Amino acid sequence: MEGSLNMLGYGLATIGPAVAVGLIFAAYINGVARQPEAQSRLQPIAILGFALAEALAIIGIALAFVI
Protein backbone atom coordinates (compact mmCIF):
# COMPACT_ATOMS: atom_id res chain seq x y z
CA MET A 1 0.00 0.00 0.00
CA GLU A 2 2.92 2.33 0.63
CA GLY A 3 4.06 2.44 -3.02
CA SER A 4 0.56 3.23 -4.18
CA LEU A 5 0.35 6.17 -1.82
CA ASN A 6 3.65 7.52 -3.15
CA MET A 7 2.31 7.49 -6.69
CA LEU A 8 -0.95 9.06 -5.56
CA GLY A 9 1.04 11.83 -3.90
CA TYR A 10 3.08 12.32 -7.05
CA GLY A 11 -0.08 12.50 -9.13
CA LEU A 12 -1.39 15.26 -6.91
CA ALA A 13 1.98 17.02 -6.92
CA THR A 14 2.04 17.24 -10.71
CA ILE A 15 -0.90 19.61 -10.65
CA GLY A 16 1.42 22.47 -9.61
CA PRO A 17 3.90 22.19 -12.49
CA ALA A 18 1.05 21.64 -14.96
CA VAL A 19 -0.64 24.86 -13.87
CA ALA A 20 2.71 26.67 -13.93
CA VAL A 21 3.42 25.61 -17.52
CA GLY A 22 -0.04 26.76 -18.56
CA LEU A 23 0.42 30.15 -16.92
CA ILE A 24 3.91 30.60 -18.39
CA PHE A 25 2.78 30.01 -21.95
CA ALA A 26 -0.42 31.98 -21.47
CA ALA A 27 1.67 34.97 -20.41
CA TYR A 28 4.06 34.41 -23.32
CA ILE A 29 1.25 34.29 -25.87
CA ASN A 30 -0.37 37.36 -24.33
CA GLY A 31 2.90 39.27 -24.41
CA VAL A 32 3.63 38.36 -28.03
CA ALA A 33 0.08 39.22 -29.05
CA ARG A 34 0.45 42.68 -27.53
CA GLN A 35 3.98 43.33 -28.82
CA PRO A 36 5.03 41.02 -31.64
CA GLU A 37 8.45 42.66 -31.85
CA ALA A 38 9.22 41.44 -28.31
CA GLN A 39 8.98 37.76 -29.28
CA SER A 40 12.74 37.31 -29.49
CA ARG A 41 13.09 38.64 -25.94
CA LEU A 42 10.14 36.75 -24.43
CA GLN A 43 10.73 33.31 -25.98
CA PRO A 44 13.91 32.41 -24.03
CA ILE A 45 12.28 33.52 -20.80
CA ALA A 46 9.24 31.33 -21.50
CA ILE A 47 11.40 28.32 -22.35
CA LEU A 48 13.47 28.80 -19.18
CA GLY A 49 10.30 29.00 -17.09
CA PHE A 50 8.99 25.85 -18.76
CA ALA A 51 12.23 24.00 -18.03
CA LEU A 52 12.21 25.02 -14.37
CA ALA A 53 8.57 24.02 -13.92
CA GLU A 54 9.18 20.64 -15.56
CA ALA A 55 12.27 20.14 -13.39
CA LEU A 56 9.99 20.27 -10.36
CA ALA A 57 7.88 17.47 -11.82
CA ILE A 58 10.98 15.36 -12.57
CA ILE A 59 12.32 15.86 -9.05
CA GLY A 60 8.89 14.88 -7.73
CA ILE A 61 8.83 11.57 -9.58
CA ALA A 62 12.39 10.82 -8.46
CA LEU A 63 11.37 11.39 -4.85
CA ALA A 64 8.25 9.29 -5.29
CA PHE A 65 10.40 6.33 -6.28
CA VAL A 66 13.08 6.92 -3.64
CA ILE A 67 10.83 7.49 -0.63
PDB file of N, CA and C in Angstrom:
ATOM      1  N   MET A   1       0.822  -1.201   0.000  1.00  0.00           N
ATOM      2  CA  MET A   1       0.000   0.000   0.000  1.00  0.00           C
ATOM      3  C   MET A   1       0.863   1.260   0.000  1.00  0.00           C
ATOM      4  N   GLU A   2       2.069   1.158   0.532  1.00  0.00           N
ATOM      5  CA  GLU A   2       2.917   2.333   0.632  1.00  0.00           C
ATOM      6  C   GLU A   2       3.319   2.874  -0.744  1.00  0.00           C
ATOM      7  N   GLY A   3       3.681   2.002  -1.681  1.00  0.00           N
ATOM      8  CA  GLY A   3       4.062   2.436  -3.020  1.00  0.00           C
ATOM      9  C   GLY A   3       2.914   3.119  -3.745  1.00  0.00           C
ATOM     10  N   SER A   4       1.718   2.626  -3.536  1.00  0.00           N
ATOM     11  CA  SER A   4       0.560   3.233  -4.181  1.00  0.00           C
ATOM     12  C   SER A   4       0.312   4.641  -3.656  1.00  0.00           C
ATOM     13  N   LEU A   5       0.545   4.839  -2.380  1.00  0.00           N
ATOM     14  CA  LEU A   5       0.350   6.171  -1.817  1.00  0.00           C
ATOM     15  C   LEU A   5       1.407   7.144  -2.334  1.00  0.00           C
ATOM     16  N   ASN A   6       2.625   6.647  -2.575  1.00  0.00           N
ATOM     17  CA  ASN A   6       3.650   7.523  -3.152  1.00  0.00           C
ATOM     18  C   ASN A   6       3.234   8.007  -4.529  1.00  0.00           C
ATOM     19  N   MET A   7       2.716   7.103  -5.335  1.00  0.00           N
ATOM     20  CA  MET A   7       2.309   7.487  -6.689  1.00  0.00           C
ATOM     21  C   MET A   7       1.080   8.391  -6.663  1.00  0.00           C
ATOM     22  N   LEU A   8       0.197   8.171  -5.705  1.00  0.00           N
ATOM     23  CA  LEU A   8      -0.953   9.058  -5.557  1.00  0.00           C
ATOM     24  C   LEU A   8      -0.488  10.463  -5.179  1.00  0.00           C
ATOM     25  N   GLY A   9       0.474  10.535  -4.272  1.00  0.00           N
ATOM     26  CA  GLY A   9       1.043  11.832  -3.899  1.00  0.00           C
ATOM     27  C   GLY A   9       1.719  12.513  -5.065  1.00  0.00           C
ATOM     28  N   TYR A  10       2.427  11.737  -5.879  1.00  0.00           N
ATOM     29  CA  TYR A  10       3.077  12.323  -7.051  1.00  0.00           C
ATOM     30  C   TYR A  10       2.038  12.830  -8.044  1.00  0.00           C
ATOM     31  N   GLY A  11       0.982  12.073  -8.221  1.00  0.00           N
ATOM     32  CA  GLY A  11      -0.079  12.504  -9.131  1.00  0.00           C
ATOM     33  C   GLY A  11      -0.691  13.828  -8.704  1.00  0.00           C
ATOM     34  N   LEU A  12      -0.868  13.987  -7.406  1.00  0.00           N
ATOM     35  CA  LEU A  12      -1.394  15.261  -6.905  1.00  0.00           C
ATOM     36  C   LEU A  12      -0.353  16.374  -7.013  1.00  0.00           C
ATOM     37  N   ALA A  13       0.923  16.011  -6.858  1.00  0.00           N
ATOM     38  CA  ALA A  13       1.983  17.021  -6.915  1.00  0.00           C
ATOM     39  C   ALA A  13       2.218  17.528  -8.327  1.00  0.00           C
ATOM     40  N   THR A  14       1.822  16.783  -9.342  1.00  0.00           N
ATOM     41  CA  THR A  14       2.035  17.241 -10.713  1.00  0.00           C
ATOM     42  C   THR A  14       1.052  18.325 -11.136  1.00  0.00           C
ATOM     43  N   ILE A  15       0.054  18.556 -10.335  1.00  0.00           N
ATOM     44  CA  ILE A  15      -0.900  19.610 -10.655  1.00  0.00           C
ATOM     45  C   ILE A  15      -0.205  20.978 -10.650  1.00  0.00           C
ATOM     46  N   GLY A  16       0.709  21.191  -9.709  1.00  0.00           N
ATOM     47  CA  GLY A  16       1.419  22.470  -9.614  1.00  0.00           C
ATOM     48  C   GLY A  16       2.235  22.801 -10.851  1.00  0.00           C
ATOM     49  N   PRO A  17       3.152  21.897 -11.267  1.00  0.00           N
ATOM     50  CA  PRO A  17       3.905  22.193 -12.488  1.00  0.00           C
ATOM     51  C   PRO A  17       3.023  22.312 -13.732  1.00  0.00           C
ATOM     52  N   ALA A  18       1.940  21.553 -13.795  1.00  0.00           N
ATOM     53  CA  ALA A  18       1.053  21.644 -14.960  1.00  0.00           C
ATOM     54  C   ALA A  18       0.398  23.023 -15.033  1.00  0.00           C
ATOM     55  N   VAL A  19      -0.043  23.521 -13.901  1.00  0.00           N
ATOM     56  CA  VAL A  19      -0.638  24.860 -13.870  1.00  0.00           C
ATOM     57  C   VAL A  19       0.419  25.911 -14.192  1.00  0.00           C
ATOM     58  N   ALA A  20       1.638  25.714 -13.675  1.00  0.00           N
ATOM     59  CA  ALA A  20       2.711  26.673 -13.926  1.00  0.00           C
ATOM     60  C   ALA A  20       3.041  26.757 -15.412  1.00  0.00           C
ATOM     61  N   VAL A  21       3.116  25.613 -16.078  1.00  0.00           N
ATOM     62  CA  VAL A  21       3.419  25.610 -17.518  1.00  0.00           C
ATOM     63  C   VAL A  21       2.310  26.323 -18.279  1.00  0.00           C
ATOM     64  N   GLY A  22       1.074  26.080 -17.905  1.00  0.00           N
ATOM     65  CA  GLY A  22      -0.042  26.760 -18.558  1.00  0.00           C
ATOM     66  C   GLY A  22       0.014  28.264 -18.376  1.00  0.00           C
ATOM     67  N   LEU A  23       0.334  28.711 -17.172  1.00  0.00           N
ATOM     68  CA  LEU A  23       0.420  30.151 -16.918  1.00  0.00           C
ATOM     69  C   LEU A  23       1.604  30.786 -17.638  1.00  0.00           C
ATOM     70  N   ILE A  24       2.723  30.061 -17.707  1.00  0.00           N
ATOM     71  CA  ILE A  24       3.908  30.596 -18.387  1.00  0.00           C
ATOM     72  C   ILE A  24       3.608  30.843 -19.857  1.00  0.00           C
ATOM     73  N   PHE A  25       3.036  29.840 -20.524  1.00  0.00           N
ATOM     74  CA  PHE A  25       2.784  30.008 -21.953  1.00  0.00           C
ATOM     75  C   PHE A  25       1.597  30.920 -22.227  1.00  0.00           C
ATOM     76  N   ALA A  26       0.661  31.011 -21.301  1.00  0.00           N
ATOM     77  CA  ALA A  26      -0.424  31.984 -21.473  1.00  0.00           C
ATOM     78  C   ALA A  26       0.127  33.406 -21.419  1.00  0.00           C
ATOM     79  N   ALA A  27       1.053  33.649 -20.494  1.00  0.00           N
ATOM     80  CA  ALA A  27       1.665  34.972 -20.406  1.00  0.00           C
ATOM     81  C   ALA A  27       2.533  35.261 -21.630  1.00  0.00           C
ATOM     82  N   TYR A  28       3.219  34.234 -22.116  1.00  0.00           N
ATOM     83  CA  TYR A  28       4.057  34.406 -23.319  1.00  0.00           C
ATOM     84  C   TYR A  28       3.198  34.765 -24.533  1.00  0.00           C
ATOM     85  N   ILE A  29       2.128  34.033 -24.727  1.00  0.00           N
ATOM     86  CA  ILE A  29       1.246  34.292 -25.869  1.00  0.00           C
ATOM     87  C   ILE A  29       0.612  35.676 -25.753  1.00  0.00           C
ATOM     88  N   ASN A  30       0.219  36.039 -24.546  1.00  0.00           N
ATOM     89  CA  ASN A  30      -0.370  37.356 -24.325  1.00  0.00           C
ATOM     90  C   ASN A  30       0.642  38.458 -24.619  1.00  0.00           C
ATOM     91  N   GLY A  31       1.873  38.267 -24.168  1.00  0.00           N
ATOM     92  CA  GLY A  31       2.904  39.274 -24.412  1.00  0.00           C
ATOM     93  C   GLY A  31       3.245  39.421 -25.882  1.00  0.00           C
ATOM     94  N   VAL A  32       3.323  38.303 -26.603  1.00  0.00           N
ATOM     95  CA  VAL A  32       3.632  38.359 -28.034  1.00  0.00           C
ATOM     96  C   VAL A  32       2.452  38.936 -28.816  1.00  0.00           C
ATOM     97  N   ALA A  33       1.243  38.656 -28.363  1.00  0.00           N
ATOM     98  CA  ALA A  33       0.080  39.216 -29.054  1.00  0.00           C
ATOM     99  C   ALA A  33       0.030  40.737 -28.897  1.00  0.00           C
ATOM    100  N   ARG A  34       0.460  41.236 -27.754  1.00  0.00           N
ATOM    101  CA  ARG A  34       0.445  42.681 -27.535  1.00  0.00           C
ATOM    102  C   ARG A  34       1.605  43.382 -28.232  1.00  0.00           C
ATOM    103  N   GLN A  35       2.799  42.738 -28.195  1.00  0.00           N
ATOM    104  CA  GLN A  35       3.979  43.333 -28.821  1.00  0.00           C
ATOM    105  C   GLN A  35       4.729  42.258 -29.602  1.00  0.00           C
ATOM    106  N   PRO A  36       4.379  42.060 -30.853  1.00  0.00           N
ATOM    107  CA  PRO A  36       5.032  41.016 -31.644  1.00  0.00           C
ATOM    108  C   PRO A  36       6.546  41.201 -31.783  1.00  0.00           C
ATOM    109  N   GLU A  37       7.012  42.437 -31.718  1.00  0.00           N
ATOM    110  CA  GLU A  37       8.452  42.661 -31.846  1.00  0.00           C
ATOM    111  C   GLU A  37       9.228  42.193 -30.626  1.00  0.00           C
ATOM    112  N   ALA A  38       8.555  41.903 -29.524  1.00  0.00           N
ATOM    113  CA  ALA A  38       9.220  41.442 -28.308  1.00  0.00           C
ATOM    114  C   ALA A  38       9.334  39.919 -28.244  1.00  0.00           C
ATOM    115  N   GLN A  39       8.952  39.229 -29.302  1.00  0.00           N
ATOM    116  CA  GLN A  39       8.979  37.765 -29.282  1.00  0.00           C
ATOM    117  C   GLN A  39      10.381  37.220 -29.037  1.00  0.00           C
ATOM    118  N   SER A  40      11.380  37.818 -29.657  1.00  0.00           N
ATOM    119  CA  SER A  40      12.743  37.311 -29.492  1.00  0.00           C
ATOM    120  C   SER A  40      13.241  37.489 -28.063  1.00  0.00           C
ATOM    121  N   ARG A  41      12.694  38.438 -27.324  1.00  0.00           N
ATOM    122  CA  ARG A  41      13.090  38.637 -25.939  1.00  0.00           C
ATOM    123  C   ARG A  41      12.267  37.760 -24.991  1.00  0.00           C
ATOM    124  N   LEU A  42      11.011  37.510 -25.317  1.00  0.00           N
ATOM    125  CA  LEU A  42      10.136  36.749 -24.435  1.00  0.00           C
ATOM    126  C   LEU A  42      10.298  35.234 -24.570  1.00  0.00           C
ATOM    127  N   GLN A  43      10.661  34.762 -25.754  1.00  0.00           N
ATOM    128  CA  GLN A  43      10.732  33.314 -25.979  1.00  0.00           C
ATOM    129  C   GLN A  43      11.750  32.612 -25.083  1.00  0.00           C
ATOM    130  N   PRO A  44      12.982  33.107 -24.937  1.00  0.00           N
ATOM    131  CA  PRO A  44      13.912  32.407 -24.033  1.00  0.00           C
ATOM    132  C   PRO A  44      13.450  32.398 -22.582  1.00  0.00           C
ATOM    133  N   ILE A  45      12.783  33.467 -22.170  1.00  0.00           N
ATOM    134  CA  ILE A  45      12.278  33.522 -20.801  1.00  0.00           C
ATOM    135  C   ILE A  45      11.187  32.481 -20.597  1.00  0.00           C
ATOM    136  N   ALA A  46      10.307  32.323 -21.591  1.00  0.00           N
ATOM    137  CA  ALA A  46       9.237  31.329 -21.496  1.00  0.00           C
ATOM    138  C   ALA A  46       9.805  29.915 -21.488  1.00  0.00           C
ATOM    139  N   ILE A  47      10.810  29.658 -22.307  1.00  0.00           N
ATOM    140  CA  ILE A  47      11.404  28.318 -22.349  1.00  0.00           C
ATOM    141  C   ILE A  47      12.128  28.017 -21.042  1.00  0.00           C
ATOM    142  N   LEU A  48      12.812  28.993 -20.474  1.00  0.00           N
ATOM    143  CA  LEU A  48      13.474  28.795 -19.184  1.00  0.00           C
ATOM    144  C   LEU A  48      12.453  28.517 -18.081  1.00  0.00           C
ATOM    145  N   GLY A  49      11.365  29.249 -18.073  1.00  0.00           N
ATOM    146  CA  GLY A  49      10.304  28.998 -17.091  1.00  0.00           C
ATOM    147  C   GLY A  49       9.700  27.619 -17.255  1.00  0.00           C
ATOM    148  N   PHE A  50       9.500  27.194 -18.500  1.00  0.00           N
ATOM    149  CA  PHE A  50       8.988  25.852 -18.760  1.00  0.00           C
ATOM    150  C   PHE A  50       9.942  24.795 -18.235  1.00  0.00           C
ATOM    151  N   ALA A  51      11.237  24.977 -18.484  1.00  0.00           N
ATOM    152  CA  ALA A  51      12.228  23.999 -18.033  1.00  0.00           C
ATOM    153  C   ALA A  51      12.273  23.919 -16.508  1.00  0.00           C
ATOM    154  N   LEU A  52      12.187  25.044 -15.833  1.00  0.00           N
ATOM    155  CA  LEU A  52      12.211  25.025 -14.371  1.00  0.00           C
ATOM    156  C   LEU A  52      10.956  24.370 -13.796  1.00  0.00           C
ATOM    157  N   ALA A  53       9.812  24.639 -14.396  1.00  0.00           N
ATOM    158  CA  ALA A  53       8.572  24.020 -13.916  1.00  0.00           C
ATOM    159  C   ALA A  53       8.593  22.510 -14.146  1.00  0.00           C
ATOM    160  N   GLU A  54       9.101  22.077 -15.284  1.00  0.00           N
ATOM    161  CA  GLU A  54       9.184  20.642 -15.556  1.00  0.00           C
ATOM    162  C   GLU A  54      10.227  19.967 -14.669  1.00  0.00           C
ATOM    163  N   ALA A  55      11.271  20.700 -14.296  1.00  0.00           N
ATOM    164  CA  ALA A  55      12.274  20.139 -13.387  1.00  0.00           C
ATOM    165  C   ALA A  55      11.637  19.789 -12.049  1.00  0.00           C
ATOM    166  N   LEU A  56      10.688  20.587 -11.606  1.00  0.00           N
ATOM    167  CA  LEU A  56       9.991  20.270 -10.361  1.00  0.00           C
ATOM    168  C   LEU A  56       9.230  18.951 -10.473  1.00  0.00           C
ATOM    169  N   ALA A  57       8.619  18.716 -11.614  1.00  0.00           N
ATOM    170  CA  ALA A  57       7.885  17.466 -11.818  1.00  0.00           C
ATOM    171  C   ALA A  57       8.839  16.280 -11.865  1.00  0.00           C
ATOM    172  N   ILE A  58      10.000  16.448 -12.489  1.00  0.00           N
ATOM    173  CA  ILE A  58      10.978  15.360 -12.573  1.00  0.00           C
ATOM    174  C   ILE A  58      11.547  15.055 -11.192  1.00  0.00           C
ATOM    175  N   ILE A  59      11.845  16.082 -10.418  1.00  0.00           N
ATOM    176  CA  ILE A  59      12.323  15.863  -9.047  1.00  0.00           C
ATOM    177  C   ILE A  59      11.248  15.161  -8.236  1.00  0.00           C
ATOM    178  N   GLY A  60       9.997  15.520  -8.453  1.00  0.00           N
ATOM    179  CA  GLY A  60       8.895  14.879  -7.728  1.00  0.00           C
ATOM    180  C   GLY A  60       8.786  13.403  -8.021  1.00  0.00           C
ATOM    181  N   ILE A  61       8.929  13.002  -9.271  1.00  0.00           N
ATOM    182  CA  ILE A  61       8.830  11.571  -9.581  1.00  0.00           C
ATOM    183  C   ILE A  61      10.044  10.822  -9.044  1.00  0.00           C
ATOM    184  N   ALA A  62      11.212  11.468  -9.039  1.00  0.00           N
ATOM    185  CA  ALA A  62      12.386  10.816  -8.456  1.00  0.00           C
ATOM    186  C   ALA A  62      12.182  10.594  -6.963  1.00  0.00           C
ATOM    187  N   LEU A  63      11.634  11.566  -6.281  1.00  0.00           N
ATOM    188  CA  LEU A  63      11.371  11.391  -4.854  1.00  0.00           C
ATOM    189  C   LEU A  63      10.279  10.384  -4.577  1.00  0.00           C
ATOM    190  N   ALA A  64       9.318  10.286  -5.473  1.00  0.00           N
ATOM    191  CA  ALA A  64       8.246   9.293  -5.287  1.00  0.00           C
ATOM    192  C   ALA A  64       8.801   7.875  -5.354  1.00  0.00           C
ATOM    193  N   PHE A  65       9.800   7.646  -6.196  1.00  0.00           N
ATOM    194  CA  PHE A  65      10.396   6.330  -6.282  1.00  0.00           C
ATOM    195  C   PHE A  65      11.387   6.064  -5.153  1.00  0.00           C
ATOM    196  N   VAL A  66      12.065   7.089  -4.676  1.00  0.00           N
ATOM    197  CA  VAL A  66      13.079   6.923  -3.638  1.00  0.00           C
ATOM    198  C   VAL A  66      12.441   6.739  -2.265  1.00  0.00           C
ATOM    199  N   ILE A  67      11.447   7.533  -1.971  1.00  0.00           N
ATOM    200  CA  ILE A  67      10.835   7.486  -0.626  1.00  0.00           C
ATOM    201  C   ILE A  67       9.864   6.345  -0.520  1.00  0.00           C
TER     202      ILE A  67
END
